[in-house]
């Protein structure tokens, strides 16, 4: 999105430069505007380099986030499996009456 906005602003700046080049008379162009164009060009270049740096940084962050998601999914799956095993291996706690009923059933 930033790159698109930067491209659009750059096109507007280029159009402004062309219109100033066509209008050579100083009566039609304000002095302040013609003095600020080089500053604006420098700002556009600076923003463009910042966008490139941000894009590189975001790609690194996204790669780290992908690795984290994979590790989280693996840990979550293993945790679920261990909890299932623990629940299956845990001896069920029965009351004395329930144990007597089981003994009678076996007899």
PDB file of N, CA and C in Angstrom:
ATOM      1  N   UNK A   1       0.830  -1.192   0.000  1.00  0.00           N
ATOM      2  CA  UNK A   1       0.000   0.000   0.000  1.00  0.00           C
ATOM      3  C   UNK A   1       0.871   1.250   0.000  1.00  0.00           C
ATOM      4  N   UNK A   2       1.933   1.219   0.834  1.00  0.00           N
ATOM      5  CA  UNK A   2       2.840   2.364   0.866  1.00  0.00           C
ATOM      6  C   UNK A   2       3.519   2.552  -0.481  1.00  0.00           C
ATOM      7  N   UNK A   3       3.908   1.442  -1.096  1.00  0.00           N
ATOM      8  CA  UNK A   3       4.560   1.541  -2.399  1.00  0.00           C
ATOM      9  C   UNK A   3       3.617   2.148  -3.431  1.00  0.00           C
ATOM     10  N   UNK A   4       2.354   1.760  -3.387  1.00  0.00           N
ATOM     11  CA  UNK A   4       1.379   2.316  -4.330  1.00  0.00           C
ATOM     12  C   UNK A   4       1.198   3.814  -4.102  1.00  0.00           C
ATOM     13  N   UNK A   5       1.100   4.221  -2.848  1.00  0.00           N
ATOM     14  CA  UNK A   5       0.954   5.639  -2.542  1.00  0.00           C
ATOM     15  C   UNK A   5       2.195   6.416  -2.977  1.00  0.00           C
ATOM     16  N   UNK A   6       3.366   5.819  -2.736  1.00  0.00           N
ATOM     17  CA  UNK A   6       4.607   6.469  -3.115  1.00  0.00           C
ATOM     18  C   UNK A   6       4.687   6.627  -4.630  1.00  0.00           C
ATOM     19  N   UNK A   7       4.283   5.611  -5.358  1.00  0.00           N
ATOM     20  CA  UNK A   7       4.297   5.677  -6.816  1.00  0.00           C
ATOM     21  C   UNK A   7       3.348   6.762  -7.307  1.00  0.00           C
ATOM     22  N   UNK A   8       2.172   6.829  -6.697  1.00  0.00           N
ATOM     23  CA  UNK A   8       1.187   7.839  -7.087  1.00  0.00           C
ATOM     24  C   UNK A   8       1.718   9.250  -6.810  1.00  0.00           C
ATOM     25  N   UNK A   9       2.314   9.463  -5.644  1.00  0.00           N
ATOM     26  CA  UNK A   9       2.849  10.780  -5.303  1.00  0.00           C
ATOM     27  C   UNK A   9       4.018  11.135  -6.217  1.00  0.00           C
ATOM     28  N   UNK A  10       4.809  10.134  -6.577  1.00  0.00           N
ATOM     29  CA  UNK A  10       5.930  10.370  -7.477  1.00  0.00           C
ATOM     30  C   UNK A  10       5.429  10.803  -8.851  1.00  0.00           C
ATOM     31  N   UNK A  11       4.351  10.180  -9.321  1.00  0.00           N
ATOM     32  CA  UNK A  11       3.782  10.572 -10.613  1.00  0.00           C
ATOM     33  C   UNK A  11       3.259  12.010 -10.555  1.00  0.00           C
ATOM     34  N   UNK A  12       2.620  12.343  -9.456  1.00  0.00           N
ATOM     35  CA  UNK A  12       2.103  13.711  -9.298  1.00  0.00           C
ATOM     36  C   UNK A  12       3.252  14.708  -9.307  1.00  0.00           C
ATOM     37  N   UNK A  13       4.341  14.366  -8.644  1.00  0.00           N
ATOM     38  CA  UNK A  13       5.511  15.237  -8.596  1.00  0.00           C
ATOM     39  C   UNK A  13       6.121  15.383  -9.992  1.00  0.00           C
ATOM     40  N   UNK A  14       6.183  14.285 -10.745  1.00  0.00           N
ATOM     41  CA  UNK A  14       6.703  14.349 -12.117  1.00  0.00           C
ATOM     42  C   UNK A  14       5.827  15.242 -12.993  1.00  0.00           C
ATOM     43  N   UNK A  15       4.509  15.117 -12.825  1.00  0.00           N
ATOM     44  CA  UNK A  15       3.601  15.971 -13.590  1.00  0.00           C
ATOM     45  C   UNK A  15       3.804  17.440 -13.226  1.00  0.00           C
ATOM     46  N   UNK A  16       4.033  17.701 -11.950  1.00  0.00           N
ATOM     47  CA  UNK A  16       4.277  19.070 -11.504  1.00  0.00           C
ATOM     48  C   UNK A  16       5.570  19.601 -12.109  1.00  0.00           C
ATOM     49  N   UNK A  17       6.598  18.772 -12.163  1.00  0.00           N
ATOM     50  CA  UNK A  17       7.872  19.177 -12.773  1.00  0.00           C
ATOM     51  C   UNK A  17       7.667  19.509 -14.248  1.00  0.00           C
ATOM     52  N   UNK A  18       6.910  18.665 -14.944  1.00  0.00           N
ATOM     53  CA  UNK A  18       6.676  18.899 -16.369  1.00  0.00           C
ATOM     54  C   UNK A  18       5.887  20.179 -16.599  1.00  0.00           C
ATOM     55  N   UNK A  19       4.894  20.400 -15.759  1.00  0.00           N
ATOM     56  CA  UNK A  19       4.109  21.620 -15.935  1.00  0.00           C
ATOM     57  C   UNK A  19       4.955  22.854 -15.652  1.00  0.00           C
ATOM     58  N   UNK A  20       5.895  22.760 -14.720  1.00  0.00           N
ATOM     59  CA  UNK A  20       6.787  23.888 -14.447  1.00  0.00           C
ATOM     60  C   UNK A  20       7.785  24.071 -15.580  1.00  0.00           C
ATOM     61  N   UNK A  21       8.190  22.979 -16.208  1.00  0.00           N
ATOM     62  CA  UNK A  21       9.119  23.081 -17.332  1.00  0.00           C
ATOM     63  C   UNK A  21       8.445  23.748 -18.518  1.00  0.00           C
ATOM     64  N   UNK A  22       7.154  23.464 -18.728  1.00  0.00           N
ATOM     65  CA  UNK A  22       6.423  24.076 -19.829  1.00  0.00           C
ATOM     66  C   UNK A  22       6.148  25.559 -19.565  1.00  0.00           C
ATOM     67  N   UNK A  23       5.972  25.895 -18.331  1.00  0.00           N
ATOM     68  CA  UNK A  23       5.687  27.296 -17.967  1.00  0.00           C
ATOM     69  C   UNK A  23       6.974  27.958 -17.510  1.00  0.00           C
ATOM     70  N   UNK A  24       7.713  28.499 -18.461  1.00  0.00           N
ATOM     71  CA  UNK A  24       8.997  29.121 -18.119  1.00  0.00           C
ATOM     72  C   UNK A  24       8.827  30.492 -17.486  1.00  0.00           C
ATOM     73  N   UNK A  25       7.718  31.091 -17.662  1.00  0.00           N
ATOM     74  CA  UNK A  25       7.543  32.434 -17.120  1.00  0.00           C
ATOM     75  C   UNK A  25       7.375  32.361 -15.613  1.00  0.00           C
ATOM     76  N   UNK A  26       8.043  33.253 -14.904  1.00  0.00           N
ATOM     77  CA  UNK A  26       7.983  33.276 -13.441  1.00  0.00           C
ATOM     78  C   UNK A  26       6.699  33.914 -12.943  1.00  0.00           C
ATOM     79  N   UNK A  27       5.934  34.544 -13.825  1.00  0.00           N
ATOM     80  CA  UNK A  27       4.678  35.169 -13.405  1.00  0.00           C
ATOM     81  C   UNK A  27       3.641  34.118 -13.039  1.00  0.00           C
ATOM     82  N   UNK A  28       3.659  32.965 -13.712  1.00  0.00           N
ATOM     83  CA  UNK A  28       2.637  31.959 -13.485  1.00  0.00           C
ATOM     84  C   UNK A  28       3.023  30.966 -12.387  1.00  0.00           C
ATOM     85  N   UNK A  29       4.289  30.799 -12.067  1.00  0.00           N
ATOM     86  CA  UNK A  29       4.707  29.815 -11.057  1.00  0.00           C
ATOM     87  C   UNK A  29       5.205  30.536  -9.816  1.00  0.00           C
ATOM     88  N   UNK A  30       4.716  30.152  -8.660  1.00  0.00           N
ATOM     89  CA  UNK A  30       5.216  30.772  -7.424  1.00  0.00           C
ATOM     90  C   UNK A  30       6.660  30.364  -7.161  1.00  0.00           C
ATOM     91  N   UNK A  31       7.415  31.287  -6.612  1.00  0.00           N
ATOM     92  CA  UNK A  31       8.835  31.020  -6.344  1.00  0.00           C
ATOM     93  C   UNK A  31       9.010  29.919  -5.301  1.00  0.00           C
ATOM     94  N   UNK A  32       8.164  29.930  -4.305  1.00  0.00           N
ATOM     95  CA  UNK A  32       8.277  28.925  -3.243  1.00  0.00           C
ATOM     96  C   UNK A  32       8.097  27.511  -3.761  1.00  0.00           C
ATOM     97  N   UNK A  33       7.207  27.352  -4.712  1.00  0.00           N
ATOM     98  CA  UNK A  33       6.948  26.026  -5.274  1.00  0.00           C
ATOM     99  C   UNK A  33       8.158  25.526  -6.052  1.00  0.00           C
ATOM    100  N   UNK A  34       8.761  26.377  -6.844  1.00  0.00           N
ATOM    101  CA  UNK A  34       9.910  25.947  -7.636  1.00  0.00           C
ATOM    102  C   UNK A  34      11.116  25.672  -6.745  1.00  0.00           C
ATOM    103  N   UNK A  35      11.206  26.331  -5.610  1.00  0.00           N
ATOM    104  CA  UNK A  35      12.312  26.080  -4.697  1.00  0.00           C
ATOM    105  C   UNK A  35      12.120  24.779  -3.912  1.00  0.00           C
ATOM    106  N   UNK A  36      10.882  24.374  -3.705  1.00  0.00           N
ATOM    107  CA  UNK A  36      10.606  23.187  -2.893  1.00  0.00           C
ATOM    108  C   UNK A  36      10.664  21.894  -3.698  1.00  0.00           C
ATOM    109  N   UNK A  37      10.644  21.954  -5.013  1.00  0.00           N
ATOM    110  CA  UNK A  37      10.633  20.736  -5.823  1.00  0.00           C
ATOM    111  C   UNK A  37      11.859  19.868  -5.562  1.00  0.00           C
ATOM    112  N   UNK A  38      13.073  20.401  -5.517  1.00  0.00           N
ATOM    113  CA  UNK A  38      14.220  19.526  -5.197  1.00  0.00           C
ATOM    114  C   UNK A  38      14.101  18.891  -3.807  1.00  0.00           C
ATOM    115  N   UNK A  39      13.579  19.653  -2.854  1.00  0.00           N
ATOM    116  CA  UNK A  39      13.381  19.103  -1.512  1.00  0.00           C
ATOM    117  C   UNK A  39      12.377  17.957  -1.550  1.00  0.00           C
ATOM    118  N   UNK A  40      11.307  18.143  -2.313  1.00  0.00           N
ATOM    119  CA  UNK A  40      10.297  17.096  -2.436  1.00  0.00           C
ATOM    120  C   UNK A  40      10.877  15.858  -3.109  1.00  0.00           C
ATOM    121  N   UNK A  41      11.708  16.054  -4.099  1.00  0.00           N
ATOM    122  CA  UNK A  41      12.353  14.912  -4.766  1.00  0.00           C
ATOM    123  C   UNK A  41      13.233  14.133  -3.792  1.00  0.00           C
ATOM    124  N   UNK A  42      13.973  14.859  -2.969  1.00  0.00           N
ATOM    125  CA  UNK A  42      14.807  14.197  -1.960  1.00  0.00           C
ATOM    126  C   UNK A  42      13.943  13.440  -0.959  1.00  0.00           C
ATOM    127  N   UNK A  43      12.829  14.037  -0.573  1.00  0.00           N
ATOM    128  CA  UNK A  43      11.930  13.364   0.367  1.00  0.00           C
ATOM    129  C   UNK A  43      11.353  12.094  -0.251  1.00  0.00           C
ATOM    130  N   UNK A  44      10.984  12.158  -1.523  1.00  0.00           N
ATOM    131  CA  UNK A  44      10.444  10.980  -2.199  1.00  0.00           C
ATOM    132  C   UNK A  44      11.492   9.883  -2.249  1.00  0.00           C
ATOM    133  N   UNK A  45      12.730  10.232  -2.578  1.00  0.00           N
ATOM    134  CA  UNK A  45      13.806   9.240  -2.617  1.00  0.00           C
ATOM    135  C   UNK A  45      14.038   8.633  -1.237  1.00  0.00           C
ATOM    136  N   UNK A  46      14.005   9.476  -0.218  1.00  0.00           N
ATOM    137  CA  UNK A  46      14.194   8.995   1.149  1.00  0.00           C
ATOM    138  C   UNK A  46      13.074   8.039   1.551  1.00  0.00           C
ATOM    139  N   UNK A  47      11.851   8.403   1.228  1.00  0.00           N
ATOM    140  CA  UNK A  47      10.714   7.545   1.566  1.00  0.00           C
ATOM    141  C   UNK A  47      10.789   6.234   0.797  1.00  0.00           C
ATOM    142  N   UNK A  48      11.213   6.301  -0.448  1.00  0.00           N
ATOM    143  CA  UNK A  48      11.340   5.080  -1.258  1.00  0.00           C
ATOM    144  C   UNK A  48      12.349   4.127  -0.633  1.00  0.00           C
ATOM    145  N   UNK A  49      13.479   4.663  -0.168  1.00  0.00           N
ATOM    146  CA  UNK A  49      14.476   3.792   0.469  1.00  0.00           C
ATOM    147  C   UNK A  49      13.958   3.242   1.797  1.00  0.00           C
ATOM    148  N   UNK A  50      13.185   4.034   2.527  1.00  0.00           N
ATOM    149  CA  UNK A  50      12.606   3.552   3.777  1.00  0.00           C
ATOM    150  C   UNK A  50      11.592   2.447   3.518  1.00  0.00           C
ATOM    151  N   UNK A  51      10.824   2.569   2.443  1.00  0.00           N
ATOM    152  CA  UNK A  51       9.848   1.535   2.090  1.00  0.00           C
ATOM    153  C   UNK A  51      10.572   0.236   1.744  1.00  0.00           C
ATOM    154  N   UNK A  52      11.680   0.330   1.020  1.00  0.00           N
ATOM    155  CA  UNK A  52      12.450  -0.865   0.678  1.00  0.00           C
ATOM    156  C   UNK A  52      12.986  -1.521   1.944  1.00  0.00           C
ATOM    157  N   UNK A  53      13.514  -0.726   2.868  1.00  0.00           N
ATOM    158  CA  UNK A  53      14.020  -1.268   4.130  1.00  0.00           C
ATOM    159  C   UNK A  53      12.893  -1.907   4.937  1.00  0.00           C
ATOM    160  N   UNK A  54      11.754  -1.256   4.973  1.00  0.00           N
ATOM    161  CA  UNK A  54      10.607  -1.784   5.706  1.00  0.00           C
ATOM    162  C   UNK A  54      10.128  -3.088   5.097  1.00  0.00           C
ATOM    163  N   UNK A  55      10.119  -3.152   3.783  1.00  0.00           N
ATOM    164  CA  UNK A  55       9.688  -4.372   3.097  1.00  0.00           C
ATOM    165  C   UNK A  55      10.629  -5.527   3.424  1.00  0.00           C
ATOM    166  N   UNK A  56      11.929  -5.277   3.398  1.00  0.00           N
ATOM    167  CA  UNK A  56      12.909  -6.307   3.741  1.00  0.00           C
ATOM    168  C   UNK A  56      12.725  -6.762   5.182  1.00  0.00           C
ATOM    169  N   UNK A  57      12.541  -5.809   6.071  1.00  0.00           N
ATOM    170  CA  UNK A  57      12.341  -6.129   7.484  1.00  0.00           C
ATOM    171  C   UNK A  57      11.064  -6.934   7.685  1.00  0.00           C
ATOM    172  N   UNK A  58       9.995  -6.557   7.004  1.00  0.00           N
ATOM    173  CA  UNK A  58       8.725  -7.265   7.144  1.00  0.00           C
ATOM    174  C   UNK A  58       8.812  -8.688   6.597  1.00  0.00           C
ATOM    175  N   UNK A  59       9.586  -8.887   5.539  1.00  0.00           N
ATOM    176  CA  UNK A  59       9.760 -10.236   5.008  1.00  0.00           C
ATOM    177  C   UNK A  59      10.461 -11.112   6.041  1.00  0.00           C
ATOM    178  N   UNK A  60      11.443 -10.556   6.722  1.00  0.00           N
ATOM    179  CA  UNK A  60      12.139 -11.293   7.769  1.00  0.00           C
ATOM    180  C   UNK A  60      11.193 -11.624   8.920  1.00  0.00           C
ATOM    181  N   UNK A  61      10.387 -10.658   9.311  1.00  0.00           N
ATOM    182  CA  UNK A  61       9.428 -10.870  10.401  1.00  0.00           C
ATOM    183  C   UNK A  61       8.402 -11.931  10.005  1.00  0.00           C
ATOM    184  N   UNK A  62       7.929 -11.873   8.775  1.00  0.00           N
ATOM    185  CA  UNK A  62       6.948 -12.853   8.317  1.00  0.00           C
ATOM    186  C   UNK A  62       7.542 -14.263   8.293  1.00  0.00           C
ATOM    187  N   UNK A  63       8.801 -14.393   7.917  1.00  0.00           N
ATOM    188  CA  UNK A  63       9.457 -15.700   7.928  1.00  0.00           C
ATOM    189  C   UNK A  63       9.574 -16.221   9.361  1.00  0.00           C
ATOM    190  N   UNK A  64       9.969 -15.363  10.285  1.00  0.00           N
ATOM    191  CA  UNK A  64      10.064 -15.763  11.688  1.00  0.00           C
ATOM    192  C   UNK A  64       8.689 -16.141  12.232  1.00  0.00           C
ATOM    193  N   UNK A  65       7.661 -15.418  11.851  1.00  0.00           N
ATOM    194  CA  UNK A  65       6.302 -15.719  12.308  1.00  0.00           C
ATOM    195  C   UNK A  65       5.845 -17.068  11.761  1.00  0.00           C
ATOM    196  N   UNK A  66       6.200 -17.386  10.514  1.00  0.00           N
ATOM    197  CA  UNK A  66       5.843 -18.677   9.917  1.00  0.00           C
ATOM    198  C   UNK A  66       6.513 -19.815  10.685  1.00  0.00           C
ATOM    199  N   UNK A  67       7.783 -19.630  11.029  1.00  0.00           N
ATOM    200  CA  UNK A  67       8.499 -20.643  11.806  1.00  0.00           C
ATOM    201  C   UNK A  67       7.843 -20.822  13.173  1.00  0.00           C
ATOM    202  N   UNK A  68       7.457 -19.710  13.790  1.00  0.00           N
ATOM    203  CA  UNK A  68       6.779 -19.772  15.084  1.00  0.00           C
ATOM    204  C   UNK A  68       5.459 -20.531  14.978  1.00  0.00           C
ATOM    205  N   UNK A  69       4.676 -20.236  13.948  1.00  0.00           N
ATOM    206  CA  UNK A  69       3.394 -20.923  13.761  1.00  0.00           C
ATOM    207  C   UNK A  69       3.580 -22.433  13.606  1.00  0.00           C
ATOM    208  N   UNK A  70       4.589 -22.822  12.835  1.00  0.00           N
ATOM    209  CA  UNK A  70       4.852 -24.252  12.652  1.00  0.00           C
ATOM    210  C   UNK A  70       5.244 -24.909  13.978  1.00  0.00           C
ATOM    211  N   UNK A  71       6.129 -24.256  14.727  1.00  0.00           N
ATOM    212  CA  UNK A  71       6.555 -24.800  16.013  1.00  0.00           C
ATOM    213  C   UNK A  71       5.387 -24.862  16.990  1.00  0.00           C
ATOM    214  N   UNK A  72       4.550 -23.827  17.002  1.00  0.00           N
ATOM    215  CA  UNK A  72       3.396 -23.803  17.890  1.00  0.00           C
ATOM    216  C   UNK A  72       2.431 -24.943  17.567  1.00  0.00           C
ATOM    217  N   UNK A  73       2.190 -25.164  16.282  1.00  0.00           N
ATOM    218  CA  UNK A  73       1.287 -26.243  15.884  1.00  0.00           C
ATOM    219  C   UNK A  73       1.842 -27.599  16.319  1.00  0.00           C
ATOM    220  N   UNK A  74       3.141 -27.789  16.166  1.00  0.00           N
ATOM    221  CA  UNK A  74       3.758 -29.055  16.568  1.00  0.00           C
ATOM    222  C   UNK A  74       3.671 -29.251  18.082  1.00  0.00           C
ATOM    223  N   UNK A  75       3.970 -28.213  18.838  1.00  0.00           N
ATOM    224  CA  UNK A  75       3.904 -28.300  20.301  1.00  0.00           C
ATOM    225  C   UNK A  75       2.465 -28.537  20.753  1.00  0.00           C
ATOM    226  N   UNK A  76       1.527 -27.877  20.128  1.00  0.00           N
ATOM    227  CA  UNK A  76       0.123 -28.052  20.482  1.00  0.00           C
ATOM    228  C   UNK A  76      -0.329 -29.492  20.231  1.00  0.00           C
ATOM    229  N   UNK A  77       0.065 -30.049  19.095  1.00  0.00           N
ATOM    230  CA  UNK A  77      -0.289 -31.426  18.780  1.00  0.00           C
ATOM    231  C   UNK A  77       0.320 -32.404  19.783  1.00  0.00           C
ATOM    232  N   UNK A  78       1.594 -32.203  20.101  1.00  0.00           N
ATOM    233  CA  UNK A  78       2.254 -33.097  21.068  1.00  0.00           C
ATOM    234  C   UNK A  78       1.621 -32.969  22.447  1.00  0.00           C
ATOM    235  N   UNK A  79       1.279 -31.771  22.847  1.00  0.00           N
ATOM    236  CA  UNK A  79       0.644 -31.564  24.144  1.00  0.00           C
ATOM    237  C   UNK A  79      -0.691 -32.294  24.210  1.00  0.00           C
ATOM    238  N   UNK A  80      -1.454 -32.212  23.144  1.00  0.00           N
ATOM    239  CA  UNK A  80      -2.742 -32.907  23.098  1.00  0.00           C
ATOM    240  C   UNK A  80      -2.542 -34.417  23.198  1.00  0.00           C
ATOM    241  N   UNK A  81      -1.553 -34.922  22.489  1.00  0.00           N
ATOM    242  CA  UNK A  81      -1.269 -36.365  22.549  1.00  0.00           C
ATOM    243  C   UNK A  81      -0.856 -36.797  23.954  1.00  0.00           C
ATOM    244  N   UNK A  82       0.014 -36.006  24.597  1.00  0.00           N
ATOM    245  CA  UNK A  82       0.463 -36.352  25.949  1.00  0.00           C
ATOM    246  C   UNK A  82      -0.691 -36.302  26.941  1.00  0.00           C
ATOM    247  N   UNK A  83      -1.547 -35.316  26.823  1.00  0.00           N
ATOM    248  CA  UNK A  83      -2.698 -35.237  27.722  1.00  0.00           C
ATOM    249  C   UNK A  83      -3.618 -36.439  27.528  1.00  0.00           C
ATOM    250  N   UNK A  84      -3.800 -36.857  26.290  1.00  0.00           N
ATOM    251  CA  UNK A  84      -4.621 -38.032  26.020  1.00  0.00           C
ATOM    252  C   UNK A  84      -3.999 -39.272  26.654  1.00  0.00           C
ATOM    253  N   UNK A  85      -2.680 -39.437  26.486  1.00  0.00           N
ATOM    254  CA  UNK A  85      -1.994 -40.599  27.068  1.00  0.00           C
ATOM    255  C   UNK A  85      -2.081 -40.585  28.591  1.00  0.00           C
ATOM    256  N   UNK A  86      -1.905 -39.427  29.182  1.00  0.00           N
ATOM    257  CA  UNK A  86      -1.974 -39.319  30.643  1.00  0.00           C
ATOM    258  C   UNK A  86      -3.365 -39.697  31.129  1.00  0.00           C
ATOM    259  N   UNK A  87      -4.390 -39.232  30.428  1.00  0.00           N
ATOM    260  CA  UNK A  87      -5.757 -39.555  30.828  1.00  0.00           C
ATOM    261  C   UNK A  87      -6.061 -41.042  30.662  1.00  0.00           C
ATOM    262  N   UNK A  88      -5.484 -41.670  29.651  1.00  0.00           N
ATOM    263  CA  UNK A  88      -5.718 -43.090  29.429  1.00  0.00           C
ATOM    264  C   UNK A  88      -4.946 -43.954  30.423  1.00  0.00           C
ATOM    265  N   UNK A  89      -3.762 -43.519  30.824  1.00  0.00           N
ATOM    266  CA  UNK A  89      -2.926 -44.316  31.720  1.00  0.00           C
ATOM    267  C   UNK A  89      -3.261 -44.101  33.191  1.00  0.00           C
ATOM    268  N   UNK A  90      -3.942 -43.039  33.499  1.00  0.00           N
ATOM    269  CA  UNK A  90      -4.261 -42.726  34.890  1.00  0.00           C
ATOM    270  C   UNK A  90      -5.275 -43.744  35.414  1.00  0.00           C
ATOM    271  N   UNK A  91      -4.970 -44.342  36.544  1.00  0.00           N
ATOM    272  CA  UNK A  91      -5.943 -45.292  37.098  1.00  0.00           C
ATOM    273  C   UNK A  91      -7.190 -44.535  37.543  1.00  0.00           C
ATOM    274  N   UNK A  92      -8.307 -45.102  37.206  1.00  0.00           N
ATOM    275  CA  UNK A  92      -9.542 -44.443  37.594  1.00  0.00           C
ATOM    276  C   UNK A  92      -9.765 -44.632  39.093  1.00  0.00           C
ATOM    277  N   UNK A  93     -10.173 -43.597  39.747  1.00  0.00           N
ATOM    278  CA  UNK A  93     -10.412 -43.634  41.178  1.00  0.00           C
ATOM    279  C   UNK A  93     -11.872 -44.046  41.381  1.00  0.00           C
ATOM    280  N   UNK A  94     -12.037 -45.197  41.998  1.00  0.00           N
ATOM    281  CA  UNK A  94     -13.382 -45.705  42.216  1.00  0.00           C
ATOM    282  C   UNK A  94     -13.684 -45.727  43.707  1.00  0.00           C
ATOM    283  N   UNK A  95     -14.921 -45.671  43.990  1.00  0.00           N
ATOM    284  CA  UNK A  95     -15.321 -45.762  45.391  1.00  0.00           C
ATOM    285  C   UNK A  95     -15.282 -47.233  45.818  1.00  0.00           C
ATOM    286  N   UNK A  96     -15.347 -47.459  47.100  1.00  0.00           N
ATOM    287  CA  UNK A  96     -15.317 -48.812  47.645  1.00  0.00           C
ATOM    288  C   UNK A  96     -16.517 -49.607  47.141  1.00  0.00           C
ATOM    289  N   UNK A  97     -17.638 -48.970  47.053  1.00  0.00           N
ATOM    290  CA  UNK A  97     -18.840 -49.655  46.598  1.00  0.00           C
ATOM    291  C   UNK A  97     -18.715 -50.060  45.128  1.00  0.00           C
ATOM    292  N   UNK A  98     -18.116 -49.180  44.303  1.00  0.00           N
ATOM    293  CA  UNK A  98     -17.925 -49.501  42.891  1.00  0.00           C
ATOM    294  C   UNK A  98     -16.970 -50.671  42.737  1.00  0.00           C
ATOM    295  N   UNK A  99     -15.925 -50.726  43.572  1.00  0.00           N
ATOM    296  CA  UNK A  99     -14.981 -51.851  43.515  1.00  0.00           C
ATOM    297  C   UNK A  99     -15.665 -53.151  43.920  1.00  0.00           C
ATOM    298  N   UNK A 100     -16.519 -53.109  44.934  1.00  0.00           N
ATOM    299  CA  UNK A 100     -17.242 -54.314  45.356  1.00  0.00           C
ATOM    300  C   UNK A 100     -18.139 -54.819  44.229  1.00  0.00           C
ATOM    301  N   UNK A 101     -18.811 -53.898  43.540  1.00  0.00           N
ATOM    302  CA  UNK A 101     -19.667 -54.284  42.412  1.00  0.00           C
ATOM    303  C   UNK A 101     -18.849 -54.935  41.301  1.00  0.00           C
ATOM    304  N   UNK A 102     -17.649 -54.426  41.020  1.00  0.00           N
ATOM    305  CA  UNK A 102     -16.798 -55.015  39.978  1.00  0.00           C
ATOM    306  C   UNK A 102     -16.364 -56.423  40.399  1.00  0.00           C
ATOM    307  N   UNK A 103     -16.040 -56.607  41.686  1.00  0.00           N
ATOM    308  CA  UNK A 103     -15.628 -57.928  42.155  1.00  0.00           C
ATOM    309  C   UNK A 103     -16.766 -58.926  42.017  1.00  0.00           C
ATOM    310  N   UNK A 104     -17.939 -58.479  42.367  1.00  0.00           N
ATOM    311  CA  UNK A 104     -19.107 -59.357  42.221  1.00  0.00           C
ATOM    312  C   UNK A 104     -19.351 -59.718  40.761  1.00  0.00           C
ATOM    313  N   UNK A 105     -19.165 -58.746  39.895  1.00  0.00           N
ATOM    314  CA  UNK A 105     -19.355 -58.989  38.474  1.00  0.00           C
ATOM    315  C   UNK A 105     -18.347 -60.023  37.980  1.00  0.00           C
ATOM    316  N   UNK A 106     -17.099 -59.907  38.413  1.00  0.00           N
ATOM    317  CA  UNK A 106     -16.064 -60.850  37.968  1.00  0.00           C
ATOM    318  C   UNK A 106     -16.299 -62.252  38.527  1.00  0.00           C
ATOM    319  N   UNK A 107     -16.837 -62.305  39.727  1.00  0.00           N
ATOM    320  CA  UNK A 107     -17.071 -63.614  40.339  1.00  0.00           C
ATOM    321  C   UNK A 107     -18.203 -64.316  39.625  1.00  0.00           C
TER     322      UNK A 107
END
